[in-house]
C-alpha atoms as a PDB file:
ATOM      1  CA  UNK A   1     -11.649   6.554 -19.069  1.00  0.00           C
ATOM      2  CA  UNK A   2      -9.553   3.676 -17.842  1.00  0.00           C
ATOM      3  CA  UNK A   3      -9.812   2.076 -14.405  1.00  0.00           C
ATOM      4  CA  UNK A   4      -7.069  -0.199 -13.129  1.00  0.00           C
ATOM      5  CA  UNK A   5      -8.581  -2.504 -10.518  1.00  0.00           C
ATOM      6  CA  UNK A   6      -6.322  -4.148  -7.921  1.00  0.00           C
ATOM      7  CA  UNK A   7      -8.775  -6.080  -5.772  1.00  0.00           C
ATOM      8  CA  UNK A   8      -6.276  -7.895  -5.411  1.00  0.00           C
ATOM      9  CA  UNK A   9      -6.147  -9.242  -8.967  1.00  0.00           C
ATOM     10  CA  UNK A  10      -5.148  -6.643 -11.548  1.00  0.00           C
ATOM     11  CA  UNK A  11      -7.768  -5.903 -14.211  1.00  0.00           C
ATOM     12  CA  UNK A  12      -8.277  -2.935 -16.554  1.00  0.00           C
ATOM     13  CA  UNK A  13     -11.725  -1.752 -17.622  1.00  0.00           C
ATOM     14  CA  UNK A  14     -12.963   1.160 -19.744  1.00  0.00           C
ATOM     15  CA  UNK A  15     -15.964   3.115 -18.460  1.00  0.00           C
ATOM     16  CA  UNK A  16     -17.752   6.334 -19.380  1.00  0.00           C
ATOM     17  CA  UNK A  17     -16.405   9.362 -17.452  1.00  0.00           C
ATOM     18  CA  UNK A  18     -17.645  12.903 -16.682  1.00  0.00           C
ATOM     19  CA  UNK A  19     -19.647  11.778 -13.647  1.00  0.00           C
ATOM     20  CA  UNK A  20     -19.169  11.250  -9.903  1.00  0.00           C
ATOM     21  CA  UNK A  21     -16.761   8.545  -8.831  1.00  0.00           C
ATOM     22  CA  UNK A  22     -19.369   6.881  -6.615  1.00  0.00           C
ATOM     23  CA  UNK A  23     -21.654   6.332  -9.629  1.00  0.00           C
ATOM     24  CA  UNK A  24     -18.847   4.599 -11.529  1.00  0.00           C
ATOM     25  CA  UNK A  25     -17.988   2.309  -8.620  1.00  0.00           C
ATOM     26  CA  UNK A  26     -21.631   1.304  -8.152  1.00  0.00           C
ATOM     27  CA  UNK A  27     -21.933   0.586 -11.904  1.00  0.00           C
ATOM     28  CA  UNK A  28     -18.999  -1.826 -11.580  1.00  0.00           C
ATOM     29  CA  UNK A  29     -20.655  -3.556  -8.621  1.00  0.00           C
ATOM     30  CA  UNK A  30     -18.061  -2.248  -6.153  1.00  0.00           C
ATOM     31  CA  UNK A  31     -19.000  -1.151  -2.638  1.00  0.00           C
ATOM     32  CA  UNK A  32     -17.614   2.418  -2.416  1.00  0.00           C
ATOM     33  CA  UNK A  33     -16.902   1.945   1.294  1.00  0.00           C
ATOM     34  CA  UNK A  34     -14.454  -0.919   0.669  1.00  0.00           C
ATOM     35  CA  UNK A  35     -12.154   0.686  -1.911  1.00  0.00           C
ATOM     36  CA  UNK A  36      -9.920   3.740  -2.334  1.00  0.00           C
ATOM     37  CA  UNK A  37      -9.382   5.414  -5.698  1.00  0.00           C
ATOM     38  CA  UNK A  38      -6.181   7.178  -6.713  1.00  0.00           C
ATOM     39  CA  UNK A  39      -5.528   9.546  -9.627  1.00  0.00           C
ATOM     40  CA  UNK A  40      -1.751   9.938  -9.943  1.00  0.00           C
ATOM     41  CA  UNK A  41      -0.786  10.649  -6.344  1.00  0.00           C
ATOM     42  CA  UNK A  42      -4.185  12.130  -5.371  1.00  0.00           C
ATOM     43  CA  UNK A  43      -6.710  10.224  -3.255  1.00  0.00           C
ATOM     44  CA  UNK A  44     -10.220  10.898  -4.619  1.00  0.00           C
ATOM     45  CA  UNK A  45     -13.474  11.361  -2.706  1.00  0.00           C
ATOM     46  CA  UNK A  46     -16.657   9.592  -3.763  1.00  0.00           C
ATOM     47  CA  UNK A  47     -18.303  12.896  -4.725  1.00  0.00           C
ATOM     48  CA  UNK A  48     -15.475  13.957  -7.030  1.00  0.00           C
ATOM     49  CA  UNK A  49     -16.245  14.058 -10.764  1.00  0.00           C
ATOM     50  CA  UNK A  50     -13.857  12.164 -12.975  1.00  0.00           C
ATOM     51  CA  UNK A  51     -13.411  12.947 -16.636  1.00  0.00           C
ATOM     52  CA  UNK A  52     -12.884  11.154 -19.916  1.00  0.00           C
ATOM     53  CA  UNK A  53      -9.263  10.366 -20.701  1.00  0.00           C
ATOM     54  CA  UNK A  54      -8.281   9.911 -17.054  1.00  0.00           C
ATOM     55  CA  UNK A  55      -6.678   6.803 -15.596  1.00  0.00           C
ATOM     56  CA  UNK A  56      -7.644   5.862 -12.051  1.00  0.00           C
ATOM     57  CA  UNK A  57      -6.436   3.066  -9.815  1.00  0.00           C
ATOM     58  CA  UNK A  58      -8.891   1.264  -7.523  1.00  0.00           C
ATOM     59  CA  UNK A  59      -7.466  -0.504  -4.480  1.00  0.00           C
ATOM     60  CA  UNK A  60      -9.108  -2.611  -1.817  1.00  0.00           C
ATOM     61  CA  UNK A  61      -9.332  -0.694   1.480  1.00  0.00           C
ATOM     62  CA  UNK A  62      -9.805  -3.867   3.485  1.00  0.00           C
ATOM     63  CA  UNK A  63      -6.923  -6.156   4.213  1.00  0.00           C
ATOM     64  CA  UNK A  64      -6.853  -9.516   5.841  1.00  0.00           C
ATOM     65  CA  UNK A  65      -4.632 -10.590   8.620  1.00  0.00           C
END
């Protein structure tokens, strides 16, 4: 599956799917409490399973200012 990271730099990575979103974020070294993940127009929960062939977008949930 493909993840598009915008943290804030844009980067695309391929990871193995068919597992909980939280597991994927931890594998990438991301703190699950500091990001939001979107599939199409749907906001995903950390417990949600994501499958092969999906494209997800990961955005930083913390902004400066």
